[in-house]
Amino acid sequence: MTSPSTETPPTDPAERAKIFARYRQALKTERELKPLVRVMAAQDLKAGTATVAELARSTGMTAEVFRRMARDLEVPVDPRYEERAAASRKKPAAED
């Protein structure tokens, strides 16, 4: 299957209207589910039952969304990554 961005868009107005309607429905579904997904992800991060990477894979959201969430929730960094996390926090801001 080709990526939608590489397909030639349909020229038939009825087909185009169907695609636009599908897109609108997808946005509506995302808006409905996103708050619940964020609550569930926060619970899983706090309980330690899911990692940032697992949540990113499961949801299709970027890992950065869940890294920030974990930081905000003060979820401890996995000991394997603590040194790297501490080093990234200590980096000074770039000066111009």
PDB file of N, CA and C in Angstrom:
ATOM      1  N   MET A   1       0.845  -1.185   0.000  1.00  0.00           N
ATOM      2  CA  MET A   1       0.000   0.000   0.000  1.00  0.00           C
ATOM      3  C   MET A   1       0.887   1.243   0.000  1.00  0.00           C
ATOM      4  N   THR A   2       0.522   2.208  -0.793  1.00  0.00           N
ATOM      5  CA  THR A   2       1.307   3.437  -0.864  1.00  0.00           C
ATOM      6  C   THR A   2       0.854   4.407   0.217  1.00  0.00           C
ATOM      7  N   SER A   3       1.738   5.312   0.528  1.00  0.00           N
ATOM      8  CA  SER A   3       1.418   6.341   1.510  1.00  0.00           C
ATOM      9  C   SER A   3       0.404   7.298   0.900  1.00  0.00           C
ATOM     10  N   PRO A   4      -0.562   7.756   1.679  1.00  0.00           N
ATOM     11  CA  PRO A   4      -1.553   8.688   1.134  1.00  0.00           C
ATOM     12  C   PRO A   4      -0.932   9.935   0.518  1.00  0.00           C
ATOM     13  N   SER A   5       0.216  10.367   1.030  1.00  0.00           N
ATOM     14  CA  SER A   5       0.827  11.578   0.500  1.00  0.00           C
ATOM     15  C   SER A   5       1.425  11.365  -0.883  1.00  0.00           C
ATOM     16  N   THR A   6       1.652  10.105  -1.279  1.00  0.00           N
ATOM     17  CA  THR A   6       2.224   9.845  -2.598  1.00  0.00           C
ATOM     18  C   THR A   6       1.161   9.441  -3.606  1.00  0.00           C
ATOM     19  N   GLU A   7      -0.057   9.226  -3.140  1.00  0.00           N
ATOM     20  CA  GLU A   7      -1.136   8.870  -4.052  1.00  0.00           C
ATOM     21  C   GLU A   7      -1.607  10.110  -4.802  1.00  0.00           C
ATOM     22  N   THR A   8      -2.107   9.882  -5.986  1.00  0.00           N
ATOM     23  CA  THR A   8      -2.716  10.978  -6.735  1.00  0.00           C
ATOM     24  C   THR A   8      -4.098  11.223  -6.139  1.00  0.00           C
ATOM     25  N   PRO A   9      -4.368  12.429  -5.711  1.00  0.00           N
ATOM     26  CA  PRO A   9      -5.676  12.704  -5.105  1.00  0.00           C
ATOM     27  C   PRO A   9      -6.797  12.475  -6.117  1.00  0.00           C
ATOM     28  N   PRO A  10      -7.933  12.001  -5.638  1.00  0.00           N
ATOM     29  CA  PRO A  10      -9.051  11.794  -6.556  1.00  0.00           C
ATOM     30  C   PRO A  10      -9.563  13.132  -7.087  1.00  0.00           C
ATOM     31  N   THR A  11     -10.106  13.091  -8.266  1.00  0.00           N
ATOM     32  CA  THR A  11     -10.671  14.309  -8.857  1.00  0.00           C
ATOM     33  C   THR A  11     -12.185  14.356  -8.719  1.00  0.00           C
ATOM     34  N   ASP A  12     -12.796  13.214  -8.468  1.00  0.00           N
ATOM     35  CA  ASP A  12     -14.244  13.140  -8.321  1.00  0.00           C
ATOM     36  C   ASP A  12     -14.665  13.875  -7.045  1.00  0.00           C
ATOM     37  N   PRO A  13     -15.521  14.883  -7.167  1.00  0.00           N
ATOM     38  CA  PRO A  13     -15.937  15.655  -5.990  1.00  0.00           C
ATOM     39  C   PRO A  13     -16.559  14.797  -4.880  1.00  0.00           C
ATOM     40  N   ALA A  14     -17.305  13.776  -5.238  1.00  0.00           N
ATOM     41  CA  ALA A  14     -17.932  12.919  -4.227  1.00  0.00           C
ATOM     42  C   ALA A  14     -16.868  12.145  -3.448  1.00  0.00           C
ATOM     43  N   GLU A  15     -15.863  11.648  -4.154  1.00  0.00           N
ATOM     44  CA  GLU A  15     -14.777  10.906  -3.500  1.00  0.00           C
ATOM     45  C   GLU A  15     -13.964  11.832  -2.592  1.00  0.00           C
ATOM     46  N   ARG A  16     -13.709  13.032  -3.063  1.00  0.00           N
ATOM     47  CA  ARG A  16     -12.977  14.006  -2.250  1.00  0.00           C
ATOM     48  C   ARG A  16     -13.768  14.344  -0.975  1.00  0.00           C
ATOM     49  N   ALA A  17     -15.079  14.497  -1.116  1.00  0.00           N
ATOM     50  CA  ALA A  17     -15.931  14.797   0.039  1.00  0.00           C
ATOM     51  C   ALA A  17     -15.878  13.664   1.062  1.00  0.00           C
ATOM     52  N   LYS A  18     -15.841  12.414   0.578  1.00  0.00           N
ATOM     53  CA  LYS A  18     -15.737  11.265   1.485  1.00  0.00           C
ATOM     54  C   LYS A  18     -14.430  11.302   2.268  1.00  0.00           C
ATOM     55  N   ILE A  19     -13.346  11.634   1.589  1.00  0.00           N
ATOM     56  CA  ILE A  19     -12.035  11.694   2.248  1.00  0.00           C
ATOM     57  C   ILE A  19     -12.022  12.801   3.295  1.00  0.00           C
ATOM     58  N   PHE A  20     -12.548  13.960   2.943  1.00  0.00           N
ATOM     59  CA  PHE A  20     -12.609  15.055   3.915  1.00  0.00           C
ATOM     60  C   PHE A  20     -13.459  14.657   5.129  1.00  0.00           C
ATOM     61  N   ALA A  21     -14.568  13.976   4.900  1.00  0.00           N
ATOM     62  CA  ALA A  21     -15.435  13.539   5.999  1.00  0.00           C
ATOM     63  C   ALA A  21     -14.718  12.525   6.889  1.00  0.00           C
ATOM     64  N   ARG A  22     -13.976  11.608   6.275  1.00  0.00           N
ATOM     65  CA  ARG A  22     -13.196  10.635   7.061  1.00  0.00           C
ATOM     66  C   ARG A  22     -12.173  11.344   7.927  1.00  0.00           C
ATOM     67  N   TYR A  23     -11.516  12.351   7.360  1.00  0.00           N
ATOM     68  CA  TYR A  23     -10.507  13.106   8.107  1.00  0.00           C
ATOM     69  C   TYR A  23     -11.153  13.839   9.284  1.00  0.00           C
ATOM     70  N   ARG A  24     -12.289  14.473   9.040  1.00  0.00           N
ATOM     71  CA  ARG A  24     -12.990  15.181  10.112  1.00  0.00           C
ATOM     72  C   ARG A  24     -13.370  14.211  11.230  1.00  0.00           C
ATOM     73  N   GLN A  25     -13.829  13.016  10.865  1.00  0.00           N
ATOM     74  CA  GLN A  25     -14.196  12.014  11.868  1.00  0.00           C
ATOM     75  C   GLN A  25     -12.970  11.555  12.655  1.00  0.00           C
ATOM     76  N   ALA A  26     -11.839  11.402  11.963  1.00  0.00           N
ATOM     77  CA  ALA A  26     -10.601  10.997  12.644  1.00  0.00           C
ATOM     78  C   ALA A  26     -10.185  12.053  13.667  1.00  0.00           C
ATOM     79  N   LEU A  27     -10.291  13.319  13.314  1.00  0.00           N
ATOM     80  CA  LEU A  27      -9.965  14.395  14.258  1.00  0.00           C
ATOM     81  C   LEU A  27     -10.908  14.385  15.461  1.00  0.00           C
ATOM     82  N   LYS A  28     -12.179  14.171  15.196  1.00  0.00           N
ATOM     83  CA  LYS A  28     -13.159  14.120  16.278  1.00  0.00           C
ATOM     84  C   LYS A  28     -12.839  12.963  17.222  1.00  0.00           C
ATOM     85  N   THR A  29     -12.520  11.819  16.653  1.00  0.00           N
ATOM     86  CA  THR A  29     -12.179  10.647  17.462  1.00  0.00           C
ATOM     87  C   THR A  29     -10.943  10.916  18.300  1.00  0.00           C
ATOM     88  N   GLU A  30      -9.933  11.560  17.702  1.00  0.00           N
ATOM     89  CA  GLU A  30      -8.721  11.880  18.458  1.00  0.00           C
ATOM     90  C   GLU A  30      -9.050  12.804  19.630  1.00  0.00           C
ATOM     91  N   ARG A  31      -9.845  13.822  19.383  1.00  0.00           N
ATOM     92  CA  ARG A  31     -10.207  14.764  20.453  1.00  0.00           C
ATOM     93  C   ARG A  31     -10.955  14.066  21.591  1.00  0.00           C
ATOM     94  N   GLU A  32     -11.776  13.085  21.237  1.00  0.00           N
ATOM     95  CA  GLU A  32     -12.527  12.351  22.254  1.00  0.00           C
ATOM     96  C   GLU A  32     -11.624  11.435  23.073  1.00  0.00           C
ATOM     97  N   LEU A  33     -10.674  10.783  22.419  1.00  0.00           N
ATOM     98  CA  LEU A  33      -9.853   9.776  23.086  1.00  0.00           C
ATOM     99  C   LEU A  33      -8.615  10.325  23.780  1.00  0.00           C
ATOM    100  N   LYS A  34      -8.087  11.430  23.304  1.00  0.00           N
ATOM    101  CA  LYS A  34      -6.806  11.923  23.818  1.00  0.00           C
ATOM    102  C   LYS A  34      -6.805  12.148  25.334  1.00  0.00           C
ATOM    103  N   PRO A  35      -7.820  12.778  25.926  1.00  0.00           N
ATOM    104  CA  PRO A  35      -7.779  12.953  27.383  1.00  0.00           C
ATOM    105  C   PRO A  35      -7.719  11.621  28.135  1.00  0.00           C
ATOM    106  N   LEU A  36      -8.485  10.642  27.697  1.00  0.00           N
ATOM    107  CA  LEU A  36      -8.471   9.332  28.338  1.00  0.00           C
ATOM    108  C   LEU A  36      -7.120   8.651  28.159  1.00  0.00           C
ATOM    109  N   VAL A  37      -6.564   8.740  26.966  1.00  0.00           N
ATOM    110  CA  VAL A  37      -5.256   8.140  26.699  1.00  0.00           C
ATOM    111  C   VAL A  37      -4.197   8.781  27.589  1.00  0.00           C
ATOM    112  N   ARG A  38      -4.247  10.081  27.759  1.00  0.00           N
ATOM    113  CA  ARG A  38      -3.262  10.770  28.609  1.00  0.00           C
ATOM    114  C   ARG A  38      -3.399  10.345  30.073  1.00  0.00           C
ATOM    115  N   VAL A  39      -4.621  10.202  30.566  1.00  0.00           N
ATOM    116  CA  VAL A  39      -4.830   9.747  31.948  1.00  0.00           C
ATOM    117  C   VAL A  39      -4.298   8.328  32.116  1.00  0.00           C
ATOM    118  N   MET A  40      -4.627   7.453  31.173  1.00  0.00           N
ATOM    119  CA  MET A  40      -4.155   6.068  31.257  1.00  0.00           C
ATOM    120  C   MET A  40      -2.634   6.003  31.193  1.00  0.00           C
ATOM    121  N   ALA A  41      -2.038   6.802  30.323  1.00  0.00           N
ATOM    122  CA  ALA A  41      -0.578   6.820  30.200  1.00  0.00           C
ATOM    123  C   ALA A  41       0.058   7.299  31.499  1.00  0.00           C
ATOM    124  N   ALA A  42      -0.515   8.326  32.107  1.00  0.00           N
ATOM    125  CA  ALA A  42       0.017   8.830  33.375  1.00  0.00           C
ATOM    126  C   ALA A  42      -0.060   7.751  34.451  1.00  0.00           C
ATOM    127  N   GLN A  43      -1.167   7.043  34.502  1.00  0.00           N
ATOM    128  CA  GLN A  43      -1.313   5.962  35.478  1.00  0.00           C
ATOM    129  C   GLN A  43      -0.262   4.878  35.246  1.00  0.00           C
ATOM    130  N   ASP A  44      -0.066   4.501  33.989  1.00  0.00           N
ATOM    131  CA  ASP A  44       0.906   3.453  33.666  1.00  0.00           C
ATOM    132  C   ASP A  44       2.330   3.892  33.972  1.00  0.00           C
ATOM    133  N   LEU A  45       2.646   5.150  33.689  1.00  0.00           N
ATOM    134  CA  LEU A  45       3.988   5.648  34.006  1.00  0.00           C
ATOM    135  C   LEU A  45       4.226   5.637  35.514  1.00  0.00           C
ATOM    136  N   LYS A  46       3.248   6.126  36.277  1.00  0.00           N
ATOM    137  CA  LYS A  46       3.393   6.173  37.738  1.00  0.00           C
ATOM    138  C   LYS A  46       3.497   4.775  38.336  1.00  0.00           C
ATOM    139  N   ALA A  47       2.731   3.838  37.791  1.00  0.00           N
ATOM    140  CA  ALA A  47       2.733   2.471  38.316  1.00  0.00           C
ATOM    141  C   ALA A  47       3.946   1.680  37.838  1.00  0.00           C
ATOM    142  N   GLY A  48       4.634   2.206  36.831  1.00  0.00           N
ATOM    143  CA  GLY A  48       5.782   1.492  36.283  1.00  0.00           C
ATOM    144  C   GLY A  48       5.394   0.329  35.393  1.00  0.00           C
ATOM    145  N   THR A  49       4.154   0.321  34.919  1.00  0.00           N
ATOM    146  CA  THR A  49       3.690  -0.782  34.075  1.00  0.00           C
ATOM    147  C   THR A  49       3.906  -0.528  32.590  1.00  0.00           C
ATOM    148  N   ALA A  50       4.375   0.662  32.249  1.00  0.00           N
ATOM    149  CA  ALA A  50       4.687   0.975  30.853  1.00  0.00           C
ATOM    150  C   ALA A  50       5.843   1.958  30.821  1.00  0.00           C
ATOM    151  N   THR A  51       6.646   1.843  29.782  1.00  0.00           N
ATOM    152  CA  THR A  51       7.754   2.775  29.594  1.00  0.00           C
ATOM    153  C   THR A  51       7.347   3.843  28.592  1.00  0.00           C
ATOM    154  N   VAL A  52       8.151   4.867  28.523  1.00  0.00           N
ATOM    155  CA  VAL A  52       7.942   5.939  27.547  1.00  0.00           C
ATOM    156  C   VAL A  52       7.898   5.352  26.141  1.00  0.00           C
ATOM    157  N   ALA A  53       8.857   4.493  25.835  1.00  0.00           N
ATOM    158  CA  ALA A  53       8.930   3.902  24.493  1.00  0.00           C
ATOM    159  C   ALA A  53       7.708   3.039  24.199  1.00  0.00           C
ATOM    160  N   GLU A  54       7.262   2.271  25.179  1.00  0.00           N
ATOM    161  CA  GLU A  54       6.081   1.422  24.967  1.00  0.00           C
ATOM    162  C   GLU A  54       4.838   2.268  24.697  1.00  0.00           C
ATOM    163  N   LEU A  55       4.683   3.340  25.452  1.00  0.00           N
ATOM    164  CA  LEU A  55       3.526   4.213  25.243  1.00  0.00           C
ATOM    165  C   LEU A  55       3.589   4.889  23.877  1.00  0.00           C
ATOM    166  N   ALA A  56       4.776   5.299  23.472  1.00  0.00           N
ATOM    167  CA  ALA A  56       4.927   5.926  22.154  1.00  0.00           C
ATOM    168  C   ALA A  56       4.544   4.940  21.053  1.00  0.00           C
ATOM    169  N   ARG A  57       5.030   3.707  21.174  1.00  0.00           N
ATOM    170  CA  ARG A  57       4.692   2.690  20.166  1.00  0.00           C
ATOM    171  C   ARG A  57       3.200   2.393  20.162  1.00  0.00           C
ATOM    172  N   SER A  58       2.617   2.292  21.341  1.00  0.00           N
ATOM    173  CA  SER A  58       1.201   1.923  21.452  1.00  0.00           C
ATOM    174  C   SER A  58       0.261   2.992  20.919  1.00  0.00           C
ATOM    175  N   THR A  59       0.628   4.249  21.110  1.00  0.00           N
ATOM    176  CA  THR A  59      -0.283   5.345  20.761  1.00  0.00           C
ATOM    177  C   THR A  59       0.014   6.011  19.426  1.00  0.00           C
ATOM    178  N   GLY A  60       1.255   5.914  18.980  1.00  0.00           N
ATOM    179  CA  GLY A  60       1.644   6.644  17.780  1.00  0.00           C
ATOM    180  C   GLY A  60       2.079   8.067  18.085  1.00  0.00           C
ATOM    181  N   MET A  61       2.002   8.470  19.351  1.00  0.00           N
ATOM    182  CA  MET A  61       2.496   9.792  19.750  1.00  0.00           C
ATOM    183  C   MET A  61       4.014   9.699  19.876  1.00  0.00           C
ATOM    184  N   THR A  62       4.670  10.835  19.915  1.00  0.00           N
ATOM    185  CA  THR A  62       6.122  10.808  20.039  1.00  0.00           C
ATOM    186  C   THR A  62       6.523  10.481  21.472  1.00  0.00           C
ATOM    187  N   ALA A  63       7.711   9.927  21.620  1.00  0.00           N
ATOM    188  CA  ALA A  63       8.222   9.594  22.949  1.00  0.00           C
ATOM    189  C   ALA A  63       8.379  10.848  23.801  1.00  0.00           C
ATOM    190  N   GLU A  64       8.655  11.978  23.164  1.00  0.00           N
ATOM    191  CA  GLU A  64       8.844  13.224  23.911  1.00  0.00           C
ATOM    192  C   GLU A  64       7.592  13.589  24.705  1.00  0.00           C
ATOM    193  N   VAL A  65       6.415  13.305  24.184  1.00  0.00           N
ATOM    194  CA  VAL A  65       5.162  13.567  24.907  1.00  0.00           C
ATOM    195  C   VAL A  65       5.187  12.846  26.251  1.00  0.00           C
ATOM    196  N   PHE A  66       5.625  11.599  26.233  1.00  0.00           N
ATOM    197  CA  PHE A  66       5.610  10.792  27.450  1.00  0.00           C
ATOM    198  C   PHE A  66       6.818  11.067  28.339  1.00  0.00           C
ATOM    199  N   ARG A  67       7.942  11.481  27.749  1.00  0.00           N
ATOM    200  CA  ARG A  67       9.084  11.899  28.578  1.00  0.00           C
ATOM    201  C   ARG A  67       8.696  13.119  29.407  1.00  0.00           C
ATOM    202  N   ARG A  68       8.054  14.074  28.774  1.00  0.00           N
ATOM    203  CA  ARG A  68       7.625  15.282  29.493  1.00  0.00           C
ATOM    204  C   ARG A  68       6.586  14.948  30.558  1.00  0.00           C
ATOM    205  N   MET A  69       5.676  14.057  30.199  1.00  0.00           N
ATOM    206  CA  MET A  69       4.655  13.642  31.158  1.00  0.00           C
ATOM    207  C   MET A  69       5.319  12.987  32.371  1.00  0.00           C
ATOM    208  N   ALA A  70       6.270  12.113  32.123  1.00  0.00           N
ATOM    209  CA  ALA A  70       6.970  11.428  33.218  1.00  0.00           C
ATOM    210  C   ALA A  70       7.718  12.431  34.093  1.00  0.00           C
ATOM    211  N   ARG A  71       8.354  13.413  33.460  1.00  0.00           N
ATOM    212  CA  ARG A  71       9.061  14.457  34.216  1.00  0.00           C
ATOM    213  C   ARG A  71       8.082  15.246  35.083  1.00  0.00           C
ATOM    214  N   ASP A  72       6.961  15.646  34.497  1.00  0.00           N
ATOM    215  CA  ASP A  72       5.952  16.413  35.241  1.00  0.00           C
ATOM    216  C   ASP A  72       5.393  15.615  36.419  1.00  0.00           C
ATOM    217  N   LEU A  73       5.282  14.306  36.235  1.00  0.00           N
ATOM    218  CA  LEU A  73       4.754  13.434  37.286  1.00  0.00           C
ATOM    219  C   LEU A  73       5.834  12.998  38.270  1.00  0.00           C
ATOM    220  N   GLU A  74       7.067  13.436  38.006  1.00  0.00           N
ATOM    221  CA  GLU A  74       8.227  13.072  38.822  1.00  0.00           C
ATOM    222  C   GLU A  74       8.409  11.562  38.911  1.00  0.00           C
ATOM    223  N   VAL A  75       8.191  10.899  37.776  1.00  0.00           N
ATOM    224  CA  VAL A  75       8.441   9.460  37.689  1.00  0.00           C
ATOM    225  C   VAL A  75       9.950   9.270  37.663  1.00  0.00           C
ATOM    226  N   PRO A  76      10.490   8.417  38.525  1.00  0.00           N
ATOM    227  CA  PRO A  76      11.942   8.226  38.548  1.00  0.00           C
ATOM    228  C   PRO A  76      12.458   7.704  37.208  1.00  0.00           C
ATOM    229  N   VAL A  77      13.621   8.206  36.823  1.00  0.00           N
ATOM    230  CA  VAL A  77      14.258   7.752  35.588  1.00  0.00           C
ATOM    231  C   VAL A  77      14.813   6.358  35.831  1.00  0.00           C
ATOM    232  N   ASP A  78      14.677   5.494  34.851  1.00  0.00           N
ATOM    233  CA  ASP A  78      15.243   4.141  34.935  1.00  0.00           C
ATOM    234  C   ASP A  78      16.719   4.260  35.294  1.00  0.00           C
ATOM    235  N   PRO A  79      17.187   3.510  36.289  1.00  0.00           N
ATOM    236  CA  PRO A  79      18.590   3.612  36.718  1.00  0.00           C
ATOM    237  C   PRO A  79      19.592   3.431  35.577  1.00  0.00           C
ATOM    238  N   ARG A  80      19.226   2.667  34.566  1.00  0.00           N
ATOM    239  CA  ARG A  80      20.133   2.466  33.428  1.00  0.00           C
ATOM    240  C   ARG A  80      20.383   3.771  32.679  1.00  0.00           C
ATOM    241  N   TYR A  81      19.444   4.697  32.775  1.00  0.00           N
ATOM    242  CA  TYR A  81      19.553   5.939  32.019  1.00  0.00           C
ATOM    243  C   TYR A  81      19.790   7.158  32.902  1.00  0.00           C
ATOM    244  N   GLU A  82      19.912   6.956  34.194  1.00  0.00           N
ATOM    245  CA  GLU A  82      20.032   8.079  35.130  1.00  0.00           C
ATOM    246  C   GLU A  82      21.234   8.965  34.821  1.00  0.00           C
ATOM    247  N   GLU A  83      22.391   8.356  34.537  1.00  0.00           N
ATOM    248  CA  GLU A  83      23.592   9.152  34.266  1.00  0.00           C
ATOM    249  C   GLU A  83      23.386  10.040  33.041  1.00  0.00           C
ATOM    250  N   ARG A  84      22.838   9.464  31.995  1.00  0.00           N
ATOM    251  CA  ARG A  84      22.591  10.230  30.771  1.00  0.00           C
ATOM    252  C   ARG A  84      21.548  11.323  31.025  1.00  0.00           C
ATOM    253  N   ALA A  85      20.518  11.006  31.792  1.00  0.00           N
ATOM    254  CA  ALA A  85      19.480  11.995  32.094  1.00  0.00           C
ATOM    255  C   ALA A  85      20.058  13.147  32.911  1.00  0.00           C
ATOM    256  N   ALA A  86      20.890  12.822  33.884  1.00  0.00           N
ATOM    257  CA  ALA A  86      21.505  13.862  34.714  1.00  0.00           C
ATOM    258  C   ALA A  86      22.417  14.747  33.876  1.00  0.00           C
ATOM    259  N   ALA A  87      23.165  14.147  32.968  1.00  0.00           N
ATOM    260  CA  ALA A  87      24.067  14.918  32.107  1.00  0.00           C
ATOM    261  C   ALA A  87      23.280  15.872  31.217  1.00  0.00           C
ATOM    262  N   SER A  88      22.154  15.426  30.698  1.00  0.00           N
ATOM    263  CA  SER A  88      21.372  16.298  29.812  1.00  0.00           C
ATOM    264  C   SER A  88      20.737  17.444  30.592  1.00  0.00           C
ATOM    265  N   ARG A  89      20.433  17.227  31.867  1.00  0.00           N
ATOM    266  CA  ARG A  89      19.858  18.307  32.685  1.00  0.00           C
ATOM    267  C   ARG A  89      20.906  19.353  33.035  1.00  0.00           C
ATOM    268  N   LYS A  90      22.178  18.957  33.089  1.00  0.00           N
ATOM    269  CA  LYS A  90      23.245  19.868  33.500  1.00  0.00           C
ATOM    270  C   LYS A  90      23.811  20.700  32.356  1.00  0.00           C
ATOM    271  N   LYS A  91      23.469  20.364  31.108  1.00  0.00           N
ATOM    272  CA  LYS A  91      24.015  21.103  29.971  1.00  0.00           C
ATOM    273  C   LYS A  91      23.572  22.555  30.042  1.00  0.00           C
ATOM    274  N   PRO A  92      24.524  23.487  29.930  1.00  0.00           N
ATOM    275  CA  PRO A  92      24.144  24.905  29.946  1.00  0.00           C
ATOM    276  C   PRO A  92      23.450  25.285  28.639  1.00  0.00           C
ATOM    277  N   ALA A  93      22.635  26.311  28.715  1.00  0.00           N
ATOM    278  CA  ALA A  93      21.955  26.804  27.520  1.00  0.00           C
ATOM    279  C   ALA A  93      22.987  27.388  26.566  1.00  0.00           C
ATOM    280  N   ALA A  94      22.759  27.204  25.282  1.00  0.00           N
ATOM    281  CA  ALA A  94      23.685  27.726  24.271  1.00  0.00           C
ATOM    282  C   ALA A  94      23.638  29.248  24.275  1.00  0.00           C
ATOM    283  N   GLU A  95      24.818  29.846  24.215  1.00  0.00           N
ATOM    284  CA  GLU A  95      24.897  31.309  24.180  1.00  0.00           C
ATOM    285  C   GLU A  95      25.126  31.765  22.749  1.00  0.00           C
ATOM    286  N   ASP A  96      24.510  32.873  22.403  1.00  0.00           N
ATOM    287  CA  ASP A  96      24.676  33.412  21.038  1.00  0.00           C
ATOM    288  C   ASP A  96      25.795  34.400  20.990  1.00  0.00           C
TER     289      ASP A  96
END
